[in-house]
Structures are given as C-alpha cells and as structure tokens.
Amino acid sequence: MNKKYYFFYLELALRKSNDSNIYGYENVSHISTKKLIEIFNINLDKDPYLSEGYFLTKTKYKKYKKFISANIGQLNLDIFEYSLRLYATDDVKEIRKLYKEDLME
C-alpha cells in the first residue's frame, strides 16, 4: 500500500472581483486538521475529503485572531482573502512546489 502525504496551504488573493490570481501560499500543515476544520467551518458530512477550498471569513478571523496570529501570523482581510486548500500526493518528491527559489525560475 502506497503512503499518502497530505498538506494544507492557505492561498492568498486580492479581494477584487476582477482579479482571481493567487499571489501567495502559506503552509499551515503544522496546525491540526481538527483546528483547521473548526476555524474554516468545514462540514465533513458534505465534504469528507476536504476537496473544496474554504475561505476565512472576517467573523471566524475575529473569533480565532489570537490563535491565527500565534500560529500563522498577521493577516489582512480588508485587502486579501484567504482560502484553505488540501493537497495530497503518493510521492513526497511530487509535493506541489508553491514558491520560486529564483525569480528567473
């Protein structure tokens, strides 16, 4: 049986309706899945495999601000929107690289 690797990223996008680009990623895999489900209000009955993206609402951010600041860092929900995504792979070498080591890459 193949081993599966799971990791969570918080995708960062501008809060503009005419701009759907993702401008940054924050690996939040160090936070327990249970806590991420709580913060992002994920309904496991409707999405048991966490295949959808889940946005951080201002209400949830205010409720968990102290935890988020301590475990993720400062967020700006007035300018950016944050979406939680789950990625999975069979080979750790195939983990999606969500950053550039060199600007010319």
Protein backbone atom coordinates (compact mmCIF):
# COMPACT_ATOMS: atom_id res chain seq x y z
CA MET A 1 0.00 0.00 0.00
CA ASN A 2 1.37 3.41 -1.00
CA LYS A 3 1.94 6.05 1.60
CA LYS A 4 -0.01 9.31 1.11
CA TYR A 5 1.30 12.75 2.05
CA TYR A 6 -1.22 15.46 2.92
CA PHE A 7 -0.54 19.14 3.39
CA PHE A 8 -2.60 22.30 3.79
CA TYR A 9 -1.92 25.66 2.19
CA LEU A 10 -3.58 28.97 2.86
CA GLU A 11 -3.89 30.65 -0.54
CA LEU A 12 -3.69 34.44 -0.65
CA ALA A 13 -5.59 36.50 -3.25
CA LEU A 14 -6.61 40.13 -3.60
CA ARG A 15 -10.15 40.92 -2.54
CA LYS A 16 -11.03 42.26 -6.02
CA SER A 17 -13.78 40.66 -8.06
CA ASN A 18 -11.87 41.29 -11.32
CA ASP A 19 -8.65 39.60 -10.09
CA SER A 20 -8.78 35.87 -9.41
CA ASN A 21 -5.00 35.29 -9.24
CA ILE A 22 -3.37 33.63 -6.25
CA TYR A 23 -0.45 35.74 -5.05
CA GLY A 24 0.93 33.70 -2.20
CA TYR A 25 0.80 30.50 -0.21
CA GLU A 26 1.30 29.82 3.46
CA ASN A 27 1.90 26.22 4.53
CA VAL A 28 -0.38 25.64 7.53
CA SER A 29 0.17 21.89 7.83
CA HIS A 30 1.61 22.38 11.31
CA ILE A 31 -1.91 23.23 12.57
CA SER A 32 -4.04 20.24 13.48
CA THR A 33 -6.67 19.21 10.95
CA LYS A 34 -9.30 19.36 13.70
CA LYS A 35 -8.44 23.02 14.42
CA LEU A 36 -8.48 23.93 10.70
CA ILE A 37 -11.91 22.30 10.36
CA GLU A 38 -13.11 24.40 13.30
CA ILE A 39 -11.65 27.70 12.04
CA PHE A 40 -12.85 27.29 8.46
CA ASN A 41 -16.23 25.86 9.45
CA ILE A 42 -15.83 22.73 7.31
CA ASN A 43 -18.77 20.34 7.17
CA LEU A 44 -17.24 16.86 6.96
CA ASP A 45 -20.61 15.30 6.11
CA LYS A 46 -20.74 17.34 2.88
CA ASP A 47 -17.02 17.25 2.11
CA PRO A 48 -15.36 14.30 3.91
CA TYR A 49 -12.19 14.53 1.79
CA LEU A 50 -11.75 18.30 2.19
CA SER A 51 -11.68 18.66 -1.58
CA GLU A 52 -13.23 22.14 -1.64
CA GLY A 53 -11.50 25.43 -0.86
CA TYR A 54 -12.64 27.18 2.30
CA PHE A 55 -12.48 30.94 2.80
CA LEU A 56 -11.58 32.56 6.07
CA THR A 57 -14.45 34.88 6.97
CA LYS A 58 -13.98 38.07 8.96
CA THR A 59 -16.23 36.64 11.70
CA LYS A 60 -14.11 33.50 12.06
CA TYR A 61 -10.92 35.55 11.87
CA LYS A 62 -12.07 37.76 14.75
CA LYS A 63 -13.05 34.70 16.79
CA TYR A 64 -9.68 32.96 16.25
CA LYS A 65 -7.46 36.04 15.80
CA LYS A 66 -5.21 35.25 18.77
CA PHE A 67 -4.68 31.65 17.60
CA ILE A 68 -4.17 32.67 13.96
CA SER A 69 -1.68 35.41 14.88
CA ALA A 70 0.32 32.99 17.03
CA ASN A 71 0.30 30.09 14.53
CA ILE A 72 0.12 31.69 11.10
CA GLY A 73 0.96 35.37 11.51
CA GLN A 74 -0.79 38.64 10.81
CA LEU A 75 -3.49 38.56 8.12
CA ASN A 76 -5.19 41.49 6.38
CA LEU A 77 -8.76 40.57 5.45
CA ASP A 78 -9.54 44.08 4.19
CA ILE A 79 -7.16 43.70 1.24
CA PHE A 80 -6.75 39.92 0.87
CA GLU A 81 -8.90 36.83 1.01
CA TYR A 82 -7.54 33.56 2.33
CA SER A 83 -8.61 30.13 1.16
CA LEU A 84 -7.64 26.81 2.76
CA ARG A 85 -6.70 24.03 0.33
CA LEU A 86 -5.70 20.43 0.93
CA TYR A 87 -3.13 18.80 -1.35
CA ALA A 88 -2.15 15.13 -1.43
CA THR A 89 0.48 13.04 -3.20
CA ASP A 90 1.85 9.49 -3.14
CA ASP A 91 5.44 10.65 -3.55
CA VAL A 92 6.92 13.27 -1.22
CA LYS A 93 9.12 14.42 -4.13
CA GLU A 94 5.98 15.34 -6.08
CA ILE A 95 4.64 17.73 -3.46
CA ARG A 96 3.48 20.75 -5.40
CA LYS A 97 6.11 23.46 -5.16
CA LEU A 98 4.24 26.67 -4.41
CA TYR A 99 7.18 29.07 -4.37
CA LYS A 100 10.12 30.11 -6.50
CA GLU A 101 13.68 29.69 -5.34
CA ASP A 102 14.81 32.12 -8.01
CA LEU A 103 12.85 34.94 -9.66
CA MET A 104 14.07 33.69 -13.07
CA GLU A 105 12.59 30.23 -12.47
